[in-house]
Structure formats: structure tokens, C-alpha cells
Amino acid sequence: MSNQEKKVFVTGATGFICAHIIQLLVERGYQTIASVRSPSKSESLFALHPAWKEHVSFVYVPDIATPGAFDDVFKSEKVGFDYIIHTASPVNFAIEDVKEDLLKPAIQGTLELMKAAHNLGGPQIKTFVLLSSAVAVLDSAQDMSFAGRDYTEEDWNTVTEEEAIKTQSSLLGYNASKKLSEQAAWDFMASQKPGFTLTVINPDIIIGPMLQPIDGPRAINESNLFAVYDFFNGKYKDVEFVSFPFYHFVDVRDVALAHVLSLEIPKAANQRIILVSDLITPQLVVNIIRKHFPQLHNRIAEGNPDQILPKGVHPTGWNRSKSFEIFGDGWGYVGLEKSLVDTVKSILDLEKKWRM
């Protein structure tokens, strides 16, 4: 069966990562059905990517956490889906309530889609790919003053739902949402034993050029904002006092490719796969931007170019061997310099559209 005969259902189409996934699916000839919250969202995507019109169609799911949220998608699909990629989940630290804004949509959205796929999707669904995060793996309580043993896919964050709700910390809430939604997916596989396999992708901080609709500076995705744009949009005045929640990154194009390869490579079935390229620190970001964009020197602090890691910070590393083992000899990671240069170019192009 050619890719033209294979149909993929993807969620969260207006998201940073999903837009890249859809672009790859289109390039590889897959029939793609993508969910968005409203018709205006699909219109904005087609306006940006008119070539998608021949390969992509949209369905509307206003609230992924609603019981039966995806049922109509599967009931109305006459031919049936071959694959599912689930990326829709909140990545927003400006929240009012951890449970309602982070935990519930992440956990219930994942379970509602898995239930619909299992009960209504038919036997032809082969693979369910879930976008999780490295925060489901790492230890939220890690002492950054020294590096521990490298994290592997066997590790799980120790954060609990109760802790996240009690503290109302958006960071802990996000970490818990990723851990608990992924655990819910694995528990579903164990208890319901559906006919499809599960592959979970666990990337660290994701940066890279943007293909999703962005109508202004506040609409830039969270990771590109705090790890890149905030250095030259006026937020960070002194690099020395900037800290990141985590200190490793991966390029969005590698994350998208891992999702699509997971549909095509049998070895990816029923695996967690960590995606990490390399170290990212505030000073490294500044050094690279100042090197490649002299026109931004008056917008970005210099910091101390030789102080790569913040004082007292020694982050634990990552064992990336499984990604190379599963995705094969051609697999590799975009380095920080290229990723940052492409991200900044993408942002500067957007600024021209915003007439900044």
C-alpha cells in the first residue's frame, strides 16, 4: 500500500510541532485528517499553506477533554484511519488553575482519543503516536548543582497530581500533565489491549522555525518564546540572571520527523523515545544570536560569553541511544547553532509581517 492510500488522523493542527508533522505527511503523500477547534483555525492554516488543500482536510473538536470528543470524527470516517498522531495538549504557563487548564485536557484528551480509536476506529488502525515530553522522564526535584546519571526511557518524573494542584505551579502542572497523560496511555494499552501499538515521543525543549499561524508576538509558542525570542524582545535585560527550567533542546523538525518515522518503522512500536540534541543555555543562545545577527546587538545583552552554564547549574544528561537504534543510520539531530539561526530568521520574518 502506497502512502497515498494511507490515512493519518492528527490532533492539534495549529500547534508548533503539529504544523511541521502535517508538512512532512503532505510531502510523503499521506492522506491527512487534522483536528482544530474551529473553522477559522483551518482557514488560517490553508491561508499559510495553500498546497495543503489537496492533501489535508480538517475536522472540528472544540474541547478534547469532553466525553466522546472524538467520537464523531471516527463515526463519520467511512474508509477509516491507518494511523493516529496525538499532539493536542496545553503548553501554556499562563494558567489560572492547574487541574482545569493543564491536567484535565492533557489526560482526558489523550484517553478520549484512545477510547474512540479503540471502540470506533476499526481494525485497520496500526499505530498511535503520542507526543509526550522529556518532563515525563526527568526529575522535577533534581538538584541542579550536580549532574546525576543520564536519564533513560526507564525513568519517570516523581511529580504527583496532588503536588501540582497544591502548589498551583504552572511548571509542575505542565510536568505532571505530561507524565500523567503518558501513564494513562500506557495503562489504557495494558487494560484494553487495543489492536494498535503505541509509540511515545519524549522531546526536551523544542525550538525551531515556525509553520503555524502566528498573528503577533504573544502568539509565538512557549518554548521559542522563553528560549529564543525573549532574549531580543526586551524581556531579558541581564543574561546572568536568566535561567531555564531545563537545559537540553531538540529541533522541531527532528521531533516532527520522529513522529512520522514512528508510523513507518516497526521497531518504534510500544516504545518511549527520548529526543535530545544537545545543551541549551541562556549564554549559548546569546552567543549564537550575536554571532549571526549583528543587527540585533542593540536588542540583546552580551552577558559573559565564556560563562556557558549559569553559576551553580550542572544539568543531568540524557541517554539518546534508543532514538539512533530505532530510527536507523540516517538519524541525526539538528545542532543548536543551525536551530537557533533558523528560529531567529523565522521570528524576524514574522516581525516584518507585524511591522515591528
Protein backbone atom coordinates (compact mmCIF):
# COMPACT_ATOMS: atom_id res chain seq x y z
CA MET A 1 0.00 0.00 0.00
CA SER A 2 1.40 3.38 -1.02
CA ASN A 3 1.34 6.36 1.31
CA GLN A 4 -1.38 7.89 -0.90
CA GLU A 5 -3.66 5.09 0.27
CA LYS A 6 -2.79 5.55 3.94
CA LYS A 7 -4.79 7.91 6.11
CA VAL A 8 -3.49 9.66 9.22
CA PHE A 9 -5.54 11.47 11.85
CA VAL A 10 -3.58 14.16 13.68
CA THR A 11 -4.71 16.41 16.53
CA GLY A 12 -3.67 19.95 17.38
CA ALA A 13 -3.06 21.10 13.80
CA THR A 14 -2.39 24.75 14.66
CA GLY A 15 0.34 23.79 17.11
CA PHE A 16 4.07 24.45 16.63
CA ILE A 17 5.01 20.78 16.32
CA CYS A 18 1.92 19.55 14.52
CA ALA A 19 2.27 22.04 11.69
CA HIS A 20 5.68 20.51 10.93
CA ILE A 21 4.22 16.99 11.20
CA ILE A 22 1.49 17.84 8.70
CA GLN A 23 4.04 19.33 6.33
CA LEU A 24 6.03 16.07 6.41
CA LEU A 25 2.90 13.97 5.94
CA VAL A 26 1.97 16.06 2.91
CA GLU A 27 5.49 15.72 1.46
CA ARG A 28 5.36 11.95 1.94
CA GLY A 29 1.96 11.64 0.29
CA TYR A 30 -0.21 10.63 3.24
CA GLN A 31 -3.90 11.49 3.32
CA THR A 32 -4.17 13.66 6.41
CA ILE A 33 -7.20 14.50 8.52
CA ALA A 34 -6.37 17.09 11.15
CA SER A 35 -8.35 18.39 14.09
CA VAL A 36 -8.69 22.06 15.01
CA ARG A 37 -11.03 23.84 17.38
CA SER A 38 -12.95 25.87 14.81
CA PRO A 39 -13.31 26.58 11.07
CA SER A 40 -11.35 29.84 11.46
CA LYS A 41 -8.32 27.77 12.57
CA SER A 42 -8.39 25.65 9.43
CA GLU A 43 -8.82 28.74 7.26
CA SER A 44 -5.70 30.29 8.79
CA LEU A 45 -3.68 27.12 8.08
CA PHE A 46 -4.80 26.94 4.45
CA ALA A 47 -4.01 30.63 4.04
CA LEU A 48 -0.43 29.92 5.14
CA HIS A 49 -0.12 26.60 3.31
CA PRO A 50 -2.35 26.58 0.22
CA ALA A 51 -0.57 23.47 -1.08
CA TRP A 52 -2.10 21.52 1.80
CA LYS A 53 -5.60 21.83 0.31
CA GLU A 54 -5.05 18.83 -1.97
CA HIS A 55 -3.80 16.60 0.84
CA VAL A 56 -5.32 17.78 4.13
CA SER A 57 -8.87 18.04 5.40
CA PHE A 58 -9.98 19.34 8.78
CA VAL A 59 -12.43 18.24 11.45
CA TYR A 60 -13.53 20.37 14.38
CA VAL A 61 -13.09 19.32 18.01
CA PRO A 62 -13.79 22.32 20.27
CA ASP A 63 -12.77 20.64 23.53
CA ILE A 64 -10.67 17.48 23.52
CA ALA A 65 -11.43 16.75 27.19
CA THR A 66 -15.20 16.47 26.64
CA PRO A 67 -16.54 12.90 26.93
CA GLY A 68 -16.87 11.50 23.42
CA ALA A 69 -14.93 14.45 21.99
CA PHE A 70 -13.58 12.42 19.07
CA ASP A 71 -16.47 10.02 18.52
CA ASP A 72 -17.97 11.90 15.57
CA VAL A 73 -14.59 12.05 13.86
CA PHE A 74 -14.40 8.27 13.76
CA LYS A 75 -18.09 7.69 13.07
CA SER A 76 -18.01 9.96 10.03
CA GLU A 77 -14.81 8.46 8.62
CA LYS A 78 -16.04 5.94 6.04
CA VAL A 79 -12.72 4.43 4.98
CA GLY A 80 -11.05 4.50 8.39
CA PHE A 81 -7.68 5.69 9.64
CA ASP A 82 -4.44 3.76 9.42
CA TYR A 83 -2.52 5.87 11.94
CA ILE A 84 -3.14 8.40 14.69
CA ILE A 85 -0.80 11.14 15.91
CA HIS A 86 -1.89 12.96 19.06
CA THR A 87 -0.18 16.30 19.75
CA ALA A 88 -3.04 18.40 21.14
CA SER A 89 -2.20 19.27 24.75
CA PRO A 90 -1.76 22.57 26.62
CA VAL A 91 1.72 24.12 26.58
CA ASN A 92 0.93 27.40 28.28
CA PHE A 93 2.39 28.58 31.56
CA ALA A 94 -0.07 31.49 31.88
CA ILE A 95 -2.81 29.46 33.55
CA GLU A 96 -5.40 30.08 36.24
CA ASP A 97 -5.97 26.56 37.55
CA VAL A 98 -3.53 23.67 37.21
CA LYS A 99 -6.16 20.94 37.21
CA GLU A 100 -8.60 22.53 34.76
CA ASP A 101 -6.10 24.23 32.45
CA LEU A 102 -3.31 21.62 32.32
CA LEU A 103 -4.07 18.25 33.88
CA LYS A 104 -7.62 17.66 32.68
CA PRO A 105 -7.15 18.49 28.97
CA ALA A 106 -3.88 16.55 28.76
CA ILE A 107 -5.10 13.39 30.49
CA GLN A 108 -8.71 13.32 29.32
CA GLY A 109 -7.83 14.43 25.80
CA THR A 110 -5.44 11.50 25.44
CA LEU A 111 -7.90 8.99 26.88
CA GLU A 112 -10.86 10.24 24.84
CA LEU A 113 -8.88 9.82 21.62
CA MET A 114 -7.63 6.36 22.60
CA LYS A 115 -11.15 5.25 23.53
CA ALA A 116 -12.56 6.48 20.24
CA ALA A 117 -9.77 4.82 18.26
CA HIS A 118 -10.25 1.53 20.12
CA ASN A 119 -14.04 1.45 20.09
CA LEU A 120 -14.84 3.14 16.78
CA GLY A 121 -11.67 3.12 14.70
CA GLY A 122 -11.81 -0.38 13.35
CA PRO A 123 -9.07 -2.99 12.99
CA GLN A 124 -7.02 -1.13 10.37
CA ILE A 125 -5.52 1.34 12.86
CA LYS A 126 -1.94 0.18 13.21
CA THR A 127 -0.15 2.80 15.30
CA PHE A 128 -0.97 5.51 17.82
CA VAL A 129 1.85 8.04 18.26
CA LEU A 130 1.66 10.26 21.34
CA LEU A 131 3.64 13.45 21.80
CA SER A 132 4.74 13.43 25.43
CA SER A 133 7.80 15.25 26.77
CA ALA A 134 11.15 14.80 28.44
CA VAL A 135 9.50 16.27 31.53
CA ALA A 136 7.64 12.98 31.89
CA VAL A 137 11.08 11.40 32.29
CA LEU A 138 13.23 13.85 34.25
CA ASP A 139 13.04 14.54 37.99
CA SER A 140 11.30 17.83 38.76
CA ALA A 141 13.02 17.89 42.14
CA GLN A 142 16.50 17.36 40.71
CA ASP A 143 19.30 19.26 42.42
CA MET A 144 20.84 21.24 39.54
CA SER A 145 24.06 21.82 41.46
CA PHE A 146 25.40 18.46 40.27
CA ALA A 147 24.71 16.12 37.37
CA GLY A 148 23.23 12.72 38.11
CA ARG A 149 23.33 9.65 35.90
CA ASP A 150 21.98 10.19 32.41
CA TYR A 151 18.21 9.87 32.07
CA THR A 152 16.85 6.95 30.04
CA GLU A 153 13.41 5.85 28.88
CA GLU A 154 13.16 3.77 32.06
CA ASP A 155 12.92 6.91 34.20
CA TRP A 156 9.73 8.68 35.28
CA ASN A 157 9.22 12.08 36.84
CA THR A 158 8.27 11.76 40.52
CA VAL A 159 5.86 14.73 40.46
CA THR A 160 2.31 13.88 41.58
CA GLU A 161 -1.08 15.29 40.68
CA GLU A 162 -1.61 16.29 44.30
CA GLU A 163 1.68 18.19 44.42
CA ALA A 164 0.92 20.06 41.20
CA ILE A 165 -2.56 21.04 42.36
CA LYS A 166 -1.41 22.05 45.82
CA THR A 167 1.41 24.30 44.61
CA GLN A 168 -0.53 25.67 41.60
CA SER A 169 2.87 25.90 39.92
CA SER A 170 2.43 26.13 36.16
CA LEU A 171 5.78 24.36 35.65
CA LEU A 172 4.94 21.48 37.99
CA GLY A 173 1.47 21.38 36.49
CA TYR A 174 2.90 21.05 33.00
CA ASN A 175 5.33 18.34 34.11
CA ALA A 176 2.54 16.45 35.84
CA SER A 177 0.24 16.79 32.83
CA LYS A 178 2.82 15.19 30.56
CA LYS A 179 3.70 12.41 32.99
CA LEU A 180 0.11 11.54 33.91
CA SER A 181 -1.25 11.69 30.36
CA GLU A 182 1.52 9.40 29.16
CA GLN A 183 0.96 6.98 32.04
CA ALA A 184 -2.76 6.99 31.27
CA ALA A 185 -1.94 6.00 27.69
CA TRP A 186 0.27 3.08 28.75
CA ASP A 187 -2.36 2.00 31.31
CA PHE A 188 -5.01 2.06 28.57
CA MET A 189 -2.84 -0.16 26.38
CA ALA A 190 -2.38 -2.63 29.23
CA SER A 191 -6.02 -2.77 30.31
CA GLN A 192 -7.87 -2.50 26.98
CA LYS A 193 -5.36 -4.25 24.72
CA PRO A 194 -6.34 -2.40 21.54
CA GLY A 195 -5.32 -3.64 18.11
CA PHE A 196 -2.91 -0.74 17.57
CA THR A 197 0.55 -0.19 19.01
CA LEU A 198 1.64 2.87 20.99
CA THR A 199 4.77 4.94 20.42
CA VAL A 200 5.57 7.85 22.75
CA ILE A 201 7.90 10.68 21.77
CA ASN A 202 9.69 12.44 24.68
CA PRO A 203 11.45 15.62 23.46
CA ASP A 204 13.16 18.21 25.67
CA ILE A 205 12.88 21.98 24.99
CA ILE A 206 11.74 22.32 21.38
CA ILE A 207 12.86 25.25 19.27
CA GLY A 208 12.93 25.87 15.54
CA PRO A 209 11.31 27.75 12.66
CA MET A 210 7.54 28.13 12.82
CA LEU A 211 4.93 26.97 10.30
CA GLN A 212 1.84 27.57 12.44
CA PRO A 213 -0.32 30.71 12.23
CA ILE A 214 1.09 33.48 14.45
CA ASP A 215 -0.74 36.78 14.44
CA GLY A 216 1.53 38.66 16.84
CA PRO A 217 4.45 38.39 19.29
CA ARG A 218 2.27 36.97 22.07
CA ALA A 219 1.23 34.06 19.84
CA ILE A 220 4.74 32.62 19.50
CA ASN A 221 4.88 29.15 21.02
CA GLU A 222 6.08 28.97 24.62
CA SER A 223 9.45 27.30 24.02
CA ASN A 224 10.54 29.59 21.18
CA LEU A 225 9.46 32.49 23.35
CA PHE A 226 11.36 31.81 26.57
CA ALA A 227 14.38 30.10 24.95
CA VAL A 228 14.88 32.45 21.99
CA TYR A 229 12.66 35.49 21.41
CA ASP A 230 12.71 36.79 24.98
CA PHE A 231 16.43 37.47 24.52
CA PHE A 232 15.78 40.16 21.91
CA ASN A 233 12.20 41.29 22.53
CA GLY A 234 13.11 43.34 25.59
CA LYS A 235 12.21 40.87 28.34
CA TYR A 236 15.69 39.69 29.38
CA LYS A 237 17.86 42.64 30.39
CA ASP A 238 20.69 40.72 32.04
CA VAL A 239 21.72 37.27 30.81
CA GLU A 240 23.38 36.44 34.13
CA PHE A 241 20.02 36.27 35.88
CA VAL A 242 18.20 34.25 33.23
CA SER A 243 17.54 30.58 33.99
CA PHE A 244 15.83 27.85 32.04
CA PRO A 245 13.58 25.16 33.53
CA PHE A 246 15.66 22.58 31.60
CA TYR A 247 18.97 22.74 29.76
CA HIS A 248 18.71 20.47 26.73
CA PHE A 249 16.88 21.02 23.47
CA VAL A 250 15.78 19.40 20.22
CA ASP A 251 14.81 20.99 16.91
CA VAL A 252 11.15 20.89 15.95
CA ARG A 253 12.00 19.33 12.58
CA ASP A 254 13.58 16.34 14.32
CA VAL A 255 10.52 16.00 16.56
CA ALA A 256 8.18 16.03 13.57
CA LEU A 257 10.31 13.51 11.69
CA ALA A 258 10.35 11.16 14.68
CA HIS A 259 6.53 11.14 14.72
CA VAL A 260 6.30 10.27 11.03
CA LEU A 261 9.08 7.67 11.16
CA SER A 262 7.24 6.03 14.04
CA LEU A 263 4.42 5.26 11.61
CA GLU A 264 6.82 3.58 9.22
CA ILE A 265 9.37 1.74 11.38
CA PRO A 266 8.11 -1.40 13.17
CA LYS A 267 10.84 -1.15 15.83
CA ALA A 268 9.17 2.00 17.17
CA ALA A 269 6.10 0.04 18.29
CA ASN A 270 5.39 0.15 22.04
CA GLN A 271 8.44 2.29 22.81
CA ARG A 272 9.17 5.54 24.63
CA ILE A 273 11.76 7.51 22.65
CA ILE A 274 13.75 10.38 24.18
CA LEU A 275 14.66 13.15 21.74
CA VAL A 276 17.56 15.40 22.80
CA SER A 277 20.05 17.14 20.55
CA ASP A 278 22.41 18.99 22.88
CA LEU A 279 22.85 21.54 25.63
CA ILE A 280 20.99 24.86 25.52
CA THR A 281 21.75 27.66 27.98
CA PRO A 282 20.95 31.39 28.08
CA GLN A 283 24.57 32.31 27.31
CA LEU A 284 24.83 29.87 24.42
CA VAL A 285 21.67 31.37 22.92
CA VAL A 286 23.07 34.88 23.29
CA ASN A 287 26.48 33.95 21.86
CA ILE A 288 24.99 32.35 18.76
CA ILE A 289 22.47 35.10 18.07
CA ARG A 290 25.10 37.82 18.45
CA LYS A 291 27.46 35.91 16.15
CA HIS A 292 24.96 35.54 13.31
CA PHE A 293 22.77 38.62 13.70
CA PRO A 294 24.87 41.74 14.28
CA GLN A 295 21.79 43.83 13.53
CA LEU A 296 20.35 42.57 16.83
CA HIS A 297 23.29 43.66 19.01
CA ASN A 298 21.34 46.67 20.24
CA ARG A 299 18.44 44.42 21.23
CA ILE A 300 20.30 41.64 23.04
CA ALA A 301 22.57 41.71 26.08
CA GLU A 302 26.09 40.33 25.68
CA GLY A 303 26.35 38.58 29.04
CA ASN A 304 29.60 36.78 29.77
CA PRO A 305 30.45 34.83 26.60
CA ASP A 306 32.74 32.42 28.47
CA GLN A 307 30.23 31.54 31.22
CA ILE A 308 28.28 28.91 29.27
CA LEU A 309 26.26 27.45 32.14
CA PRO A 310 24.65 29.62 34.80
CA LYS A 311 26.64 29.59 38.02
CA GLY A 312 25.91 26.51 40.11
CA VAL A 313 23.98 24.75 37.31
CA HIS A 314 25.15 21.28 36.21
CA PRO A 315 22.22 19.59 34.47
CA THR A 316 21.88 15.83 34.22
CA GLY A 317 22.43 14.48 30.73
CA TRP A 318 20.39 12.17 28.51
CA ASN A 319 20.99 8.75 27.01
CA ARG A 320 19.87 9.19 23.38
CA SER A 321 20.85 5.75 22.14
CA LYS A 322 17.32 4.46 21.63
CA SER A 323 16.48 7.15 19.06
CA PHE A 324 19.51 6.12 16.97
CA GLU A 325 18.75 2.43 17.43
CA ILE A 326 15.12 2.76 16.31
CA PHE A 327 15.37 5.38 13.57
CA GLY A 328 18.47 3.91 11.99
CA ASP A 329 21.73 5.00 10.41
CA GLY A 330 20.27 8.09 8.74
CA TRP A 331 19.04 9.53 12.02
CA GLY A 332 20.75 12.57 13.47
CA TYR A 333 19.97 15.80 15.29
CA VAL A 334 19.97 19.39 14.12
CA GLY A 335 22.61 21.22 16.16
CA LEU A 336 21.95 24.24 18.35
CA GLU A 337 23.61 26.76 16.03
CA LYS A 338 21.53 25.86 12.96
CA SER A 339 18.36 25.51 15.03
CA LEU A 340 18.80 28.92 16.62
CA VAL A 341 19.73 30.66 13.38
CA ASP A 342 16.66 29.23 11.63
CA THR A 343 14.44 30.13 14.59
CA VAL A 344 15.64 33.74 14.71
CA LYS A 345 15.21 34.10 10.94
CA SER A 346 11.68 32.81 11.31
CA ILE A 347 10.94 35.33 14.07
CA LEU A 348 12.47 38.24 12.14
CA ASP A 349 10.34 37.35 9.12
CA LEU A 350 7.28 37.42 11.36
CA GLU A 351 8.29 40.78 12.81
CA LYS A 352 8.26 42.21 9.28
CA LYS A 353 4.69 40.97 8.86
CA TRP A 354 3.78 42.51 12.21
CA ARG A 355 5.56 45.71 11.05
CA MET A 356 7.73 45.87 14.12
